[in-house]
């Protein structure tokens, strides 16, 4: 990832090292995506044509924009939060998988986090929402690869950002840092009056860069 601006005080060498850690693995090839997405009958986003396959192998910002707007309406999560973080997390690659952490999909959701979000969502006031029910029915089987479905992935990310917004308020910098590092860790720094760690400040810079590039 190549942000336009580097947070003041972050050495360039350290910044470069952090980018290597933060960058997701290359998107898997057609076979990997097909293994999971063909199991999603009724989902608009399963592989159904060579053109869809071509798009799934790379960045597809139009899909991210469309689905961000869809789930923004449901969860009252700003579109700009979803779009900028999708770019920061995966460069809008729908099938990105981090080989180190297992973070999956365009918004790089960890499998354990995805399972927790599904259970929380089902118990929430949004659990009866028609669009939520339909997406879970079509896309969720409880497998890590389910998170390759962009409709499910962006839905869960939008819901997670809603939860983080309720916890930390409307400051996207803090919310995005919590999304990236985990809410407990960010809460610790805030509670103790500590500056956010370098990795968090770098991630916030990446999100700012995404907004400067027009992902708002």
N, C-alpha and C. Protein backbone atom coordinates (compact mmCIF):
# COMPACT_ATOMS: atom_id res chain seq x y z
N UNK A 1 0.84 -1.18 0.00
CA UNK A 1 0.00 0.00 0.00
C UNK A 1 0.88 1.24 0.00
N UNK A 2 0.48 2.25 -0.74
CA UNK A 2 1.34 3.40 -0.90
C UNK A 2 0.60 4.70 -0.59
N UNK A 3 0.37 5.01 0.69
CA UNK A 3 -0.33 6.25 1.02
C UNK A 3 0.42 7.45 0.51
N UNK A 4 -0.29 8.53 0.21
CA UNK A 4 0.32 9.76 -0.27
C UNK A 4 1.07 10.47 0.83
N UNK A 5 0.58 10.35 2.06
CA UNK A 5 1.16 11.06 3.17
C UNK A 5 1.56 10.09 4.25
N UNK A 6 2.64 10.38 4.94
CA UNK A 6 3.14 9.55 6.03
C UNK A 6 2.98 10.31 7.33
N UNK A 7 2.43 9.65 8.36
CA UNK A 7 2.21 10.29 9.64
C UNK A 7 3.51 10.90 10.15
N UNK A 8 3.44 12.12 10.65
CA UNK A 8 4.60 12.81 11.16
C UNK A 8 5.22 12.00 12.30
N UNK A 9 6.51 11.85 12.25
CA UNK A 9 7.21 11.16 13.33
C UNK A 9 7.39 9.68 13.07
N UNK A 10 6.82 9.13 12.01
CA UNK A 10 7.00 7.71 11.69
C UNK A 10 8.17 7.57 10.73
N UNK A 11 9.28 6.95 11.14
CA UNK A 11 10.43 6.80 10.24
C UNK A 11 10.03 6.09 8.96
N UNK A 12 10.62 6.50 7.86
CA UNK A 12 10.24 5.94 6.57
C UNK A 12 10.49 4.44 6.52
N UNK A 13 11.62 3.98 7.10
CA UNK A 13 11.92 2.55 7.07
C UNK A 13 10.88 1.76 7.85
N UNK A 14 10.49 2.29 9.03
CA UNK A 14 9.48 1.62 9.83
C UNK A 14 8.16 1.60 9.11
N UNK A 15 7.83 2.72 8.44
CA UNK A 15 6.58 2.79 7.70
C UNK A 15 6.55 1.71 6.62
N UNK A 16 7.68 1.54 5.91
CA UNK A 16 7.73 0.53 4.88
C UNK A 16 7.55 -0.86 5.44
N UNK A 17 8.14 -1.11 6.61
CA UNK A 17 8.00 -2.42 7.23
C UNK A 17 6.57 -2.68 7.63
N UNK A 18 5.91 -1.66 8.15
CA UNK A 18 4.51 -1.82 8.55
C UNK A 18 3.63 -2.10 7.35
N UNK A 19 3.95 -1.50 6.21
CA UNK A 19 3.16 -1.75 5.01
C UNK A 19 3.25 -3.21 4.60
N UNK A 20 4.44 -3.81 4.78
CA UNK A 20 4.58 -5.22 4.43
C UNK A 20 3.75 -6.10 5.33
N UNK A 21 3.65 -5.69 6.62
CA UNK A 21 2.84 -6.46 7.57
C UNK A 21 1.36 -6.30 7.26
N UNK A 22 0.96 -5.05 6.94
CA UNK A 22 -0.46 -4.75 6.78
C UNK A 22 -1.01 -5.25 5.45
N UNK A 23 -0.14 -5.39 4.43
CA UNK A 23 -0.63 -5.73 3.10
C UNK A 23 -1.18 -7.15 3.06
N UNK A 24 -2.41 -7.33 2.58
CA UNK A 24 -2.95 -8.69 2.46
C UNK A 24 -2.24 -9.46 1.37
N UNK A 25 -2.37 -10.77 1.43
CA UNK A 25 -1.79 -11.60 0.38
C UNK A 25 -2.49 -11.31 -0.94
N UNK A 26 -1.85 -11.72 -2.01
CA UNK A 26 -2.48 -11.56 -3.31
C UNK A 26 -3.80 -12.32 -3.33
N UNK A 27 -4.73 -11.81 -4.11
CA UNK A 27 -6.02 -12.49 -4.21
C UNK A 27 -5.84 -13.88 -4.78
N UNK A 28 -6.58 -14.87 -4.26
CA UNK A 28 -6.46 -16.23 -4.79
C UNK A 28 -6.98 -16.30 -6.21
N UNK A 29 -6.57 -17.31 -6.91
CA UNK A 29 -6.99 -17.47 -8.29
C UNK A 29 -8.42 -17.93 -8.41
N UNK A 30 -8.83 -18.14 -9.63
CA UNK A 30 -10.22 -18.48 -9.92
C UNK A 30 -10.67 -19.73 -9.18
N UNK A 31 -9.82 -20.73 -9.11
CA UNK A 31 -10.22 -21.99 -8.48
C UNK A 31 -10.58 -21.81 -7.03
N UNK A 32 -9.77 -21.04 -6.30
CA UNK A 32 -10.03 -20.80 -4.88
C UNK A 32 -11.36 -20.11 -4.70
N UNK A 33 -11.58 -19.04 -5.45
CA UNK A 33 -12.84 -18.30 -5.33
C UNK A 33 -14.02 -19.18 -5.72
N UNK A 34 -13.86 -19.95 -6.79
CA UNK A 34 -14.98 -20.78 -7.27
C UNK A 34 -15.38 -21.82 -6.23
N UNK A 35 -14.39 -22.37 -5.50
CA UNK A 35 -14.70 -23.40 -4.50
C UNK A 35 -15.76 -22.92 -3.52
N UNK A 36 -15.68 -21.66 -3.14
CA UNK A 36 -16.60 -21.14 -2.14
C UNK A 36 -17.82 -20.45 -2.76
N UNK A 37 -17.58 -19.63 -3.77
CA UNK A 37 -18.66 -18.79 -4.26
C UNK A 37 -19.70 -19.56 -5.06
N UNK A 38 -19.32 -20.67 -5.64
CA UNK A 38 -20.31 -21.46 -6.36
C UNK A 38 -21.27 -22.17 -5.40
N UNK A 39 -20.96 -22.17 -4.11
CA UNK A 39 -21.83 -22.79 -3.11
C UNK A 39 -22.92 -21.83 -2.64
N UNK A 40 -23.05 -20.71 -3.30
CA UNK A 40 -23.95 -19.67 -2.81
C UNK A 40 -25.12 -19.45 -3.76
N UNK A 41 -25.95 -20.45 -4.00
CA UNK A 41 -27.09 -20.26 -4.91
C UNK A 41 -28.01 -19.17 -4.39
N UNK A 42 -28.47 -18.35 -5.31
CA UNK A 42 -29.36 -17.26 -4.93
C UNK A 42 -28.62 -15.99 -4.62
N UNK A 43 -27.30 -16.06 -4.48
CA UNK A 43 -26.53 -14.86 -4.20
C UNK A 43 -26.17 -14.18 -5.51
N UNK A 44 -26.35 -12.89 -5.56
CA UNK A 44 -26.03 -12.13 -6.76
C UNK A 44 -24.54 -12.17 -7.07
N UNK A 45 -23.73 -12.47 -6.03
CA UNK A 45 -22.29 -12.30 -6.18
C UNK A 45 -21.54 -13.61 -6.40
N UNK A 46 -22.24 -14.74 -6.61
CA UNK A 46 -21.49 -15.95 -6.89
C UNK A 46 -20.97 -15.90 -8.33
N UNK A 47 -19.95 -16.69 -8.61
CA UNK A 47 -19.36 -16.69 -9.95
C UNK A 47 -20.36 -17.28 -10.92
N UNK A 48 -20.71 -16.54 -11.95
CA UNK A 48 -21.70 -17.02 -12.90
C UNK A 48 -21.28 -16.81 -14.34
N UNK A 49 -20.15 -16.16 -14.56
CA UNK A 49 -19.72 -15.89 -15.92
C UNK A 49 -18.22 -15.60 -15.94
N UNK A 50 -17.58 -15.73 -17.09
CA UNK A 50 -16.16 -15.38 -17.18
C UNK A 50 -15.90 -13.94 -16.77
N UNK A 51 -16.83 -13.04 -17.08
CA UNK A 51 -16.65 -11.63 -16.72
C UNK A 51 -16.64 -11.45 -15.21
N UNK A 52 -17.56 -12.13 -14.51
CA UNK A 52 -17.58 -12.05 -13.06
C UNK A 52 -16.30 -12.64 -12.49
N UNK A 53 -15.85 -13.75 -13.04
CA UNK A 53 -14.60 -14.37 -12.59
C UNK A 53 -13.43 -13.40 -12.75
N UNK A 54 -13.36 -12.73 -13.89
CA UNK A 54 -12.27 -11.78 -14.13
C UNK A 54 -12.28 -10.69 -13.08
N UNK A 55 -13.45 -10.17 -12.76
CA UNK A 55 -13.54 -9.10 -11.78
C UNK A 55 -13.16 -9.58 -10.39
N UNK A 56 -13.60 -10.78 -10.03
CA UNK A 56 -13.30 -11.30 -8.70
C UNK A 56 -11.81 -11.51 -8.48
N UNK A 57 -11.06 -11.68 -9.55
CA UNK A 57 -9.62 -11.91 -9.41
C UNK A 57 -8.88 -10.62 -9.12
N UNK A 58 -9.52 -9.47 -9.24
CA UNK A 58 -8.83 -8.21 -9.01
C UNK A 58 -9.70 -7.23 -8.27
N UNK A 59 -9.26 -5.99 -8.30
CA UNK A 59 -10.00 -4.93 -7.62
C UNK A 59 -11.31 -4.66 -8.35
N UNK A 60 -12.35 -4.42 -7.59
CA UNK A 60 -13.66 -4.14 -8.18
C UNK A 60 -14.34 -3.07 -7.33
N UNK A 61 -13.87 -1.82 -7.42
CA UNK A 61 -14.42 -0.75 -6.57
C UNK A 61 -15.90 -0.48 -6.79
N UNK A 62 -16.40 -0.77 -8.01
CA UNK A 62 -17.83 -0.52 -8.25
C UNK A 62 -18.70 -1.40 -7.37
N UNK A 63 -18.31 -2.67 -7.21
CA UNK A 63 -19.05 -3.56 -6.33
C UNK A 63 -18.98 -3.09 -4.89
N UNK A 64 -17.78 -2.68 -4.46
CA UNK A 64 -17.61 -2.18 -3.10
C UNK A 64 -18.48 -0.96 -2.87
N UNK A 65 -18.53 -0.07 -3.84
CA UNK A 65 -19.35 1.14 -3.71
C UNK A 65 -20.83 0.78 -3.60
N UNK A 66 -21.30 -0.11 -4.48
CA UNK A 66 -22.71 -0.49 -4.49
C UNK A 66 -23.12 -1.15 -3.17
N UNK A 67 -22.30 -2.09 -2.71
CA UNK A 67 -22.64 -2.80 -1.48
C UNK A 67 -22.44 -1.94 -0.25
N UNK A 68 -21.49 -1.03 -0.29
CA UNK A 68 -21.31 -0.10 0.84
C UNK A 68 -22.54 0.78 1.00
N UNK A 69 -23.09 1.22 -0.10
CA UNK A 69 -24.30 2.06 -0.03
C UNK A 69 -25.50 1.24 0.46
N UNK A 70 -25.57 0.01 0.02
CA UNK A 70 -26.66 -0.87 0.47
C UNK A 70 -26.63 -1.04 1.98
N UNK A 71 -25.47 -1.42 2.53
CA UNK A 71 -25.39 -1.71 3.96
C UNK A 71 -25.27 -0.46 4.81
N UNK A 72 -24.85 0.64 4.21
CA UNK A 72 -24.87 1.92 4.92
C UNK A 72 -26.30 2.30 5.30
N UNK A 73 -27.22 2.03 4.38
CA UNK A 73 -28.62 2.35 4.66
C UNK A 73 -29.18 1.49 5.78
N UNK A 74 -28.75 0.25 5.85
CA UNK A 74 -29.28 -0.66 6.86
C UNK A 74 -28.73 -0.34 8.24
N UNK A 75 -27.43 -0.11 8.33
CA UNK A 75 -26.77 0.04 9.63
C UNK A 75 -26.39 1.47 9.97
N UNK A 76 -26.77 2.43 9.12
CA UNK A 76 -26.43 3.83 9.36
C UNK A 76 -24.93 4.00 9.59
N UNK A 77 -24.16 3.28 8.78
CA UNK A 77 -22.70 3.40 8.80
C UNK A 77 -22.29 4.24 7.59
N UNK A 78 -21.49 5.29 7.78
CA UNK A 78 -21.13 6.15 6.64
C UNK A 78 -20.50 5.37 5.50
N UNK A 79 -20.94 5.66 4.29
CA UNK A 79 -20.39 5.01 3.11
C UNK A 79 -18.88 5.25 3.03
N UNK A 80 -18.47 6.47 3.38
CA UNK A 80 -17.04 6.81 3.29
C UNK A 80 -16.19 5.94 4.20
N UNK A 81 -16.74 5.51 5.34
CA UNK A 81 -15.99 4.64 6.24
C UNK A 81 -15.75 3.29 5.56
N UNK A 82 -16.79 2.74 4.98
CA UNK A 82 -16.67 1.43 4.33
C UNK A 82 -15.76 1.49 3.11
N UNK A 83 -15.94 2.49 2.27
CA UNK A 83 -15.17 2.57 1.03
C UNK A 83 -13.69 2.83 1.30
N UNK A 84 -13.41 3.75 2.22
CA UNK A 84 -12.01 4.07 2.49
C UNK A 84 -11.30 2.91 3.17
N UNK A 85 -12.00 2.21 4.05
CA UNK A 85 -11.36 1.07 4.71
C UNK A 85 -11.23 -0.14 3.78
N UNK A 86 -12.15 -0.29 2.85
CA UNK A 86 -12.01 -1.37 1.87
C UNK A 86 -10.76 -1.16 1.03
N UNK A 87 -10.48 0.10 0.69
CA UNK A 87 -9.27 0.38 -0.07
C UNK A 87 -8.03 0.17 0.79
N UNK A 88 -8.07 0.65 2.04
CA UNK A 88 -6.92 0.49 2.93
C UNK A 88 -6.65 -0.98 3.24
N UNK A 89 -7.71 -1.76 3.38
CA UNK A 89 -7.56 -3.16 3.78
C UNK A 89 -7.10 -4.05 2.63
N UNK A 90 -7.66 -3.85 1.44
CA UNK A 90 -7.41 -4.83 0.37
C UNK A 90 -7.25 -4.23 -1.02
N UNK A 91 -7.28 -2.90 -1.11
CA UNK A 91 -7.28 -2.25 -2.42
C UNK A 91 -8.51 -2.67 -3.25
N UNK A 92 -9.61 -2.94 -2.55
CA UNK A 92 -10.88 -3.32 -3.19
C UNK A 92 -10.82 -4.67 -3.90
N UNK A 93 -9.89 -5.52 -3.50
CA UNK A 93 -9.82 -6.87 -4.06
C UNK A 93 -10.79 -7.76 -3.29
N UNK A 94 -11.81 -8.25 -3.96
CA UNK A 94 -12.89 -8.96 -3.29
C UNK A 94 -12.44 -10.28 -2.67
N UNK A 95 -11.42 -10.90 -3.25
CA UNK A 95 -10.99 -12.22 -2.78
C UNK A 95 -9.64 -12.19 -2.07
N UNK A 96 -9.28 -11.04 -1.51
CA UNK A 96 -8.00 -10.94 -0.79
C UNK A 96 -8.03 -11.83 0.45
N UNK A 97 -6.93 -12.54 0.67
CA UNK A 97 -6.77 -13.38 1.87
C UNK A 97 -5.37 -13.14 2.42
N UNK A 98 -5.27 -12.82 3.70
CA UNK A 98 -3.99 -12.64 4.34
C UNK A 98 -3.47 -14.00 4.78
N UNK A 99 -2.37 -14.43 4.18
CA UNK A 99 -1.84 -15.76 4.45
C UNK A 99 -1.33 -15.91 5.88
N UNK A 100 -1.03 -14.81 6.54
CA UNK A 100 -0.49 -14.86 7.90
C UNK A 100 -1.60 -14.90 8.94
N UNK A 101 -2.56 -13.98 8.83
CA UNK A 101 -3.60 -13.85 9.85
C UNK A 101 -4.88 -14.60 9.50
N UNK A 102 -5.10 -14.88 8.22
CA UNK A 102 -6.35 -15.49 7.79
C UNK A 102 -7.45 -14.49 7.52
N UNK A 103 -7.16 -13.20 7.68
CA UNK A 103 -8.16 -12.18 7.37
C UNK A 103 -8.61 -12.34 5.92
N UNK A 104 -9.91 -12.28 5.71
CA UNK A 104 -10.49 -12.70 4.43
C UNK A 104 -11.43 -11.65 3.86
N UNK A 105 -11.38 -11.50 2.54
CA UNK A 105 -12.33 -10.65 1.84
C UNK A 105 -11.91 -9.21 1.75
N UNK A 106 -12.77 -8.44 1.11
CA UNK A 106 -12.44 -7.06 0.77
C UNK A 106 -12.19 -6.19 2.01
N UNK A 107 -12.86 -6.49 3.12
CA UNK A 107 -12.63 -5.75 4.35
C UNK A 107 -11.89 -6.58 5.40
N UNK A 108 -11.22 -7.64 4.93
CA UNK A 108 -10.25 -8.40 5.72
C UNK A 108 -10.77 -8.76 7.12
N UNK A 109 -11.84 -9.52 7.15
CA UNK A 109 -12.44 -9.97 8.41
C UNK A 109 -11.82 -11.29 8.83
N UNK A 110 -11.37 -11.38 10.08
CA UNK A 110 -10.84 -12.64 10.60
C UNK A 110 -11.98 -13.65 10.74
N UNK A 111 -11.74 -14.92 10.46
CA UNK A 111 -12.81 -15.92 10.57
C UNK A 111 -13.50 -15.93 11.94
N UNK A 112 -12.74 -15.85 13.03
CA UNK A 112 -13.34 -15.85 14.36
C UNK A 112 -14.20 -14.61 14.57
N UNK A 113 -13.74 -13.47 14.07
CA UNK A 113 -14.53 -12.24 14.17
C UNK A 113 -15.79 -12.36 13.34
N UNK A 114 -15.68 -12.97 12.17
CA UNK A 114 -16.86 -13.16 11.33
C UNK A 114 -17.92 -14.00 12.01
N UNK A 115 -17.50 -15.10 12.65
CA UNK A 115 -18.47 -15.94 13.35
C UNK A 115 -19.14 -15.17 14.49
N UNK A 116 -18.34 -14.42 15.24
CA UNK A 116 -18.90 -13.63 16.34
C UNK A 116 -19.88 -12.58 15.83
N UNK A 117 -19.53 -11.93 14.73
CA UNK A 117 -20.41 -10.89 14.18
C UNK A 117 -21.73 -11.49 13.70
N UNK A 118 -21.68 -12.65 13.08
CA UNK A 118 -22.92 -13.30 12.62
C UNK A 118 -23.83 -13.60 13.81
N UNK A 119 -23.27 -14.18 14.87
CA UNK A 119 -24.09 -14.50 16.04
C UNK A 119 -24.64 -13.24 16.69
N UNK A 120 -23.81 -12.21 16.81
CA UNK A 120 -24.26 -10.94 17.39
C UNK A 120 -25.35 -10.31 16.54
N UNK A 121 -25.17 -10.34 15.23
CA UNK A 121 -26.14 -9.75 14.31
C UNK A 121 -27.48 -10.45 14.41
N UNK A 122 -27.47 -11.77 14.49
CA UNK A 122 -28.72 -12.53 14.57
C UNK A 122 -29.50 -12.19 15.84
N UNK A 123 -28.80 -11.87 16.92
CA UNK A 123 -29.45 -11.55 18.19
C UNK A 123 -29.82 -10.08 18.32
N UNK A 124 -29.35 -9.27 17.38
CA UNK A 124 -29.55 -7.82 17.47
C UNK A 124 -30.91 -7.42 16.90
N UNK A 125 -31.19 -6.12 16.99
CA UNK A 125 -32.43 -5.58 16.42
C UNK A 125 -32.45 -5.70 14.90
N UNK A 126 -31.30 -5.95 14.29
CA UNK A 126 -31.21 -6.06 12.84
C UNK A 126 -31.39 -7.50 12.37
N UNK A 127 -31.51 -8.42 13.32
CA UNK A 127 -31.58 -9.83 12.96
C UNK A 127 -32.78 -10.20 12.12
N UNK A 128 -33.84 -9.41 12.19
CA UNK A 128 -35.03 -9.70 11.41
C UNK A 128 -35.13 -8.91 10.12
N UNK A 129 -34.12 -8.09 9.84
CA UNK A 129 -34.12 -7.31 8.61
C UNK A 129 -34.10 -8.24 7.40
N UNK A 130 -34.93 -7.98 6.42
CA UNK A 130 -35.06 -8.87 5.26
C UNK A 130 -33.73 -9.02 4.52
N UNK A 131 -33.02 -7.92 4.30
CA UNK A 131 -31.75 -7.99 3.56
C UNK A 131 -30.70 -8.75 4.35
N UNK A 132 -30.69 -8.57 5.66
CA UNK A 132 -29.76 -9.31 6.51
C UNK A 132 -30.07 -10.80 6.45
N UNK A 133 -31.34 -11.14 6.64
CA UNK A 133 -31.75 -12.55 6.62
C UNK A 133 -31.41 -13.20 5.28
N UNK A 134 -31.67 -12.48 4.19
CA UNK A 134 -31.42 -13.03 2.86
C UNK A 134 -29.93 -13.28 2.64
N UNK A 135 -29.10 -12.32 3.04
CA UNK A 135 -27.66 -12.46 2.84
C UNK A 135 -27.11 -13.61 3.67
N UNK A 136 -27.55 -13.70 4.93
CA UNK A 136 -27.07 -14.80 5.77
C UNK A 136 -27.52 -16.15 5.21
N UNK A 137 -28.75 -16.22 4.73
CA UNK A 137 -29.26 -17.48 4.17
C UNK A 137 -28.46 -17.89 2.94
N UNK A 138 -28.15 -16.92 2.09
CA UNK A 138 -27.49 -17.24 0.83
C UNK A 138 -25.98 -17.42 0.96
N UNK A 139 -25.38 -16.75 1.94
CA UNK A 139 -23.92 -16.66 1.94
C UNK A 139 -23.22 -17.29 3.12
N UNK A 140 -23.91 -17.49 4.23
CA UNK A 140 -23.22 -17.95 5.44
C UNK A 140 -23.45 -19.42 5.70
N UNK A 141 -22.36 -20.20 5.69
CA UNK A 141 -22.40 -21.61 6.03
C UNK A 141 -21.51 -21.91 7.24
N UNK A 142 -20.89 -20.87 7.78
CA UNK A 142 -20.02 -21.04 8.94
C UNK A 142 -18.59 -21.36 8.60
N UNK A 143 -18.21 -21.21 7.32
CA UNK A 143 -16.85 -21.51 6.89
C UNK A 143 -16.07 -20.21 6.66
N UNK A 144 -14.77 -20.19 6.91
CA UNK A 144 -13.98 -18.99 6.65
C UNK A 144 -14.12 -18.46 5.23
N UNK A 145 -14.20 -19.38 4.27
CA UNK A 145 -14.31 -18.98 2.88
C UNK A 145 -15.60 -18.24 2.55
N UNK A 146 -16.62 -18.36 3.42
CA UNK A 146 -17.86 -17.62 3.19
C UNK A 146 -17.59 -16.12 3.13
N UNK A 147 -16.54 -15.68 3.83
CA UNK A 147 -16.22 -14.26 3.90
C UNK A 147 -15.68 -13.72 2.57
N UNK A 148 -15.45 -14.60 1.60
CA UNK A 148 -15.08 -14.16 0.27
C UNK A 148 -16.27 -13.55 -0.47
N UNK A 149 -17.46 -13.83 -0.01
CA UNK A 149 -18.65 -13.23 -0.63
C UNK A 149 -18.69 -11.75 -0.25
N UNK A 150 -18.60 -10.83 -1.20
CA UNK A 150 -18.52 -9.41 -0.86
C UNK A 150 -19.77 -8.87 -0.19
N UNK A 151 -20.94 -9.43 -0.52
CA UNK A 151 -22.18 -8.98 0.11
C UNK A 151 -22.14 -9.28 1.61
N UNK A 152 -21.77 -10.49 1.96
CA UNK A 152 -21.64 -10.87 3.36
C UNK A 152 -20.51 -10.10 4.05
N UNK A 153 -19.37 -10.00 3.39
CA UNK A 153 -18.20 -9.35 3.97
C UNK A 153 -18.48 -7.89 4.31
N UNK A 154 -19.07 -7.18 3.39
CA UNK A 154 -19.33 -5.75 3.62
C UNK A 154 -20.48 -5.58 4.61
N UNK A 155 -21.45 -6.48 4.60
CA UNK A 155 -22.52 -6.42 5.61
C UNK A 155 -21.94 -6.54 7.02
N UNK A 156 -21.08 -7.53 7.22
CA UNK A 156 -20.50 -7.74 8.55
C UNK A 156 -19.59 -6.57 8.94
N UNK A 157 -18.84 -6.04 7.98
CA UNK A 157 -17.99 -4.89 8.27
C UNK A 157 -18.82 -3.67 8.66
N UNK A 158 -19.94 -3.45 7.96
CA UNK A 158 -20.80 -2.32 8.27
C UNK A 158 -21.40 -2.46 9.66
N UNK A 159 -21.80 -3.67 10.01
CA UNK A 159 -22.35 -3.92 11.35
C UNK A 159 -21.27 -3.74 12.42
N UNK A 160 -20.08 -4.23 12.14
CA UNK A 160 -18.97 -4.08 13.09
C UNK A 160 -18.64 -2.60 13.31
N UNK A 161 -18.61 -1.83 12.23
CA UNK A 161 -18.35 -0.40 12.36
C UNK A 161 -19.45 0.29 13.15
N UNK A 162 -20.69 -0.17 13.01
CA UNK A 162 -21.78 0.35 13.82
C UNK A 162 -21.51 0.11 15.31
N UNK A 163 -21.11 -1.11 15.65
CA UNK A 163 -20.82 -1.43 17.04
C UNK A 163 -19.66 -0.59 17.58
N UNK A 164 -18.63 -0.43 16.76
CA UNK A 164 -17.48 0.36 17.18
C UNK A 164 -17.83 1.83 17.31
N UNK A 165 -18.70 2.28 16.44
CA UNK A 165 -19.15 3.68 16.52
C UNK A 165 -19.92 3.93 17.82
N UNK A 166 -20.73 2.97 18.22
CA UNK A 166 -21.46 3.10 19.48
C UNK A 166 -20.52 3.13 20.67
N UNK A 167 -19.40 2.43 20.56
CA UNK A 167 -18.44 2.34 21.66
C UNK A 167 -17.52 3.56 21.71
N UNK A 168 -17.06 4.01 20.53
CA UNK A 168 -16.03 5.04 20.49
C UNK A 168 -16.51 6.40 19.98
N UNK A 169 -17.74 6.47 19.46
CA UNK A 169 -18.23 7.74 18.96
C UNK A 169 -18.00 7.90 17.47
N UNK A 170 -18.17 9.12 16.98
CA UNK A 170 -18.18 9.39 15.53
C UNK A 170 -16.81 9.71 14.95
N UNK A 171 -15.74 9.59 15.73
CA UNK A 171 -14.40 9.86 15.22
C UNK A 171 -13.93 8.65 14.41
N UNK A 172 -13.91 8.80 13.10
CA UNK A 172 -13.54 7.67 12.25
C UNK A 172 -12.11 7.23 12.48
N UNK A 173 -11.22 8.15 12.84
CA UNK A 173 -9.85 7.75 13.12
C UNK A 173 -9.80 6.69 14.22
N UNK A 174 -10.50 6.96 15.32
CA UNK A 174 -10.51 6.02 16.44
C UNK A 174 -11.23 4.73 16.06
N UNK A 175 -12.36 4.87 15.39
CA UNK A 175 -13.13 3.68 15.00
C UNK A 175 -12.33 2.80 14.05
N UNK A 176 -11.66 3.42 13.08
CA UNK A 176 -10.89 2.62 12.13
C UNK A 176 -9.70 1.95 12.82
N UNK A 177 -9.09 2.64 13.78
CA UNK A 177 -7.99 2.04 14.53
C UNK A 177 -8.48 0.82 15.31
N UNK A 178 -9.68 0.93 15.88
CA UNK A 178 -10.26 -0.19 16.63
C UNK A 178 -10.62 -1.34 15.70
N UNK A 179 -11.08 -1.04 14.50
CA UNK A 179 -11.37 -2.06 13.51
C UNK A 179 -10.10 -2.83 13.16
N UNK A 180 -9.01 -2.10 13.03
CA UNK A 180 -7.75 -2.70 12.61
C UNK A 180 -7.04 -3.45 13.73
N UNK A 181 -6.98 -2.87 14.93
CA UNK A 181 -6.19 -3.45 16.01
C UNK A 181 -7.03 -4.21 17.03
N UNK A 182 -8.32 -3.89 17.09
CA UNK A 182 -9.19 -4.51 18.08
C UNK A 182 -9.65 -3.48 19.09
N UNK A 183 -10.94 -3.50 19.44
CA UNK A 183 -11.48 -2.47 20.34
C UNK A 183 -10.87 -2.48 21.74
N UNK A 184 -10.54 -3.65 22.26
CA UNK A 184 -9.99 -3.71 23.62
C UNK A 184 -8.64 -3.00 23.70
N UNK A 185 -7.81 -3.21 22.70
CA UNK A 185 -6.48 -2.58 22.71
C UNK A 185 -6.59 -1.07 22.57
N UNK A 186 -7.45 -0.60 21.67
CA UNK A 186 -7.61 0.84 21.49
C UNK A 186 -8.22 1.47 22.73
N UNK A 187 -9.18 0.79 23.34
CA UNK A 187 -9.80 1.30 24.57
C UNK A 187 -8.75 1.45 25.67
N UNK A 188 -7.80 0.53 25.72
CA UNK A 188 -6.73 0.59 26.73
C UNK A 188 -5.92 1.88 26.55
N UNK A 189 -5.53 2.18 25.32
CA UNK A 189 -4.74 3.38 25.08
C UNK A 189 -5.53 4.64 25.43
N UNK A 190 -6.79 4.66 25.07
CA UNK A 190 -7.61 5.84 25.36
C UNK A 190 -7.83 5.99 26.86
N UNK A 191 -8.16 4.89 27.51
CA UNK A 191 -8.43 4.91 28.95
C UNK A 191 -7.23 5.38 29.76
N UNK A 192 -6.04 5.07 29.30
CA UNK A 192 -4.83 5.41 30.03
C UNK A 192 -4.15 6.67 29.49
N UNK A 193 -4.83 7.38 28.62
CA UNK A 193 -4.30 8.63 28.10
C UNK A 193 -3.04 8.47 27.28
N UNK A 194 -2.87 7.33 26.65
CA UNK A 194 -1.68 7.06 25.86
C UNK A 194 -1.93 7.38 24.39
N UNK A 195 -0.87 7.76 23.70
CA UNK A 195 -0.97 7.95 22.26
C UNK A 195 -1.18 6.59 21.60
N UNK A 196 -1.91 6.59 20.51
CA UNK A 196 -2.12 5.34 19.78
C UNK A 196 -0.78 4.81 19.28
N UNK A 197 -0.63 3.50 19.21
CA UNK A 197 0.63 2.93 18.73
C UNK A 197 0.89 3.30 17.27
N UNK A 198 2.14 3.16 16.89
CA UNK A 198 2.55 3.53 15.53
C UNK A 198 1.74 2.79 14.47
N UNK A 199 1.49 1.51 14.69
CA UNK A 199 0.73 0.73 13.71
C UNK A 199 -0.66 1.31 13.49
N UNK A 200 -1.28 1.78 14.57
CA UNK A 200 -2.62 2.37 14.45
C UNK A 200 -2.57 3.70 13.72
N UNK A 201 -1.56 4.52 14.05
CA UNK A 201 -1.45 5.82 13.38
C UNK A 201 -1.16 5.62 11.88
N UNK A 202 -0.41 4.59 11.57
CA UNK A 202 -0.14 4.29 10.17
C UNK A 202 -1.41 3.87 9.45
N UNK A 203 -2.20 3.03 10.11
CA UNK A 203 -3.45 2.58 9.50
C UNK A 203 -4.39 3.77 9.27
N UNK A 204 -4.48 4.66 10.24
CA UNK A 204 -5.32 5.85 10.09
C UNK A 204 -4.86 6.66 8.88
N UNK A 205 -3.55 6.79 8.69
CA UNK A 205 -3.02 7.50 7.53
C UNK A 205 -3.43 6.82 6.23
N UNK A 206 -3.43 5.50 6.23
CA UNK A 206 -3.85 4.76 5.05
C UNK A 206 -5.31 5.04 4.72
N UNK A 207 -6.15 5.13 5.74
CA UNK A 207 -7.57 5.42 5.52
C UNK A 207 -7.73 6.85 4.99
N UNK A 208 -6.97 7.79 5.55
CA UNK A 208 -7.01 9.17 5.04
C UNK A 208 -6.59 9.20 3.57
N UNK A 209 -5.56 8.45 3.24
CA UNK A 209 -5.08 8.40 1.87
C UNK A 209 -6.18 7.87 0.94
N UNK A 210 -6.91 6.86 1.39
CA UNK A 210 -8.00 6.31 0.59
C UNK A 210 -9.06 7.38 0.30
N UNK A 211 -9.36 8.19 1.30
CA UNK A 211 -10.34 9.26 1.10
C UNK A 211 -9.83 10.30 0.11
N UNK A 212 -8.52 10.62 0.20
CA UNK A 212 -7.93 11.56 -0.75
C UNK A 212 -7.99 11.03 -2.17
N UNK A 213 -7.97 9.72 -2.32
CA UNK A 213 -8.05 9.09 -3.64
C UNK A 213 -9.49 9.02 -4.15
N UNK A 214 -10.44 9.45 -3.34
CA UNK A 214 -11.83 9.52 -3.79
C UNK A 214 -12.73 8.42 -3.27
N UNK A 215 -12.23 7.59 -2.36
CA UNK A 215 -13.06 6.51 -1.80
C UNK A 215 -13.83 7.05 -0.60
N UNK A 216 -14.86 7.82 -0.90
CA UNK A 216 -15.67 8.47 0.13
C UNK A 216 -17.14 8.23 -0.12
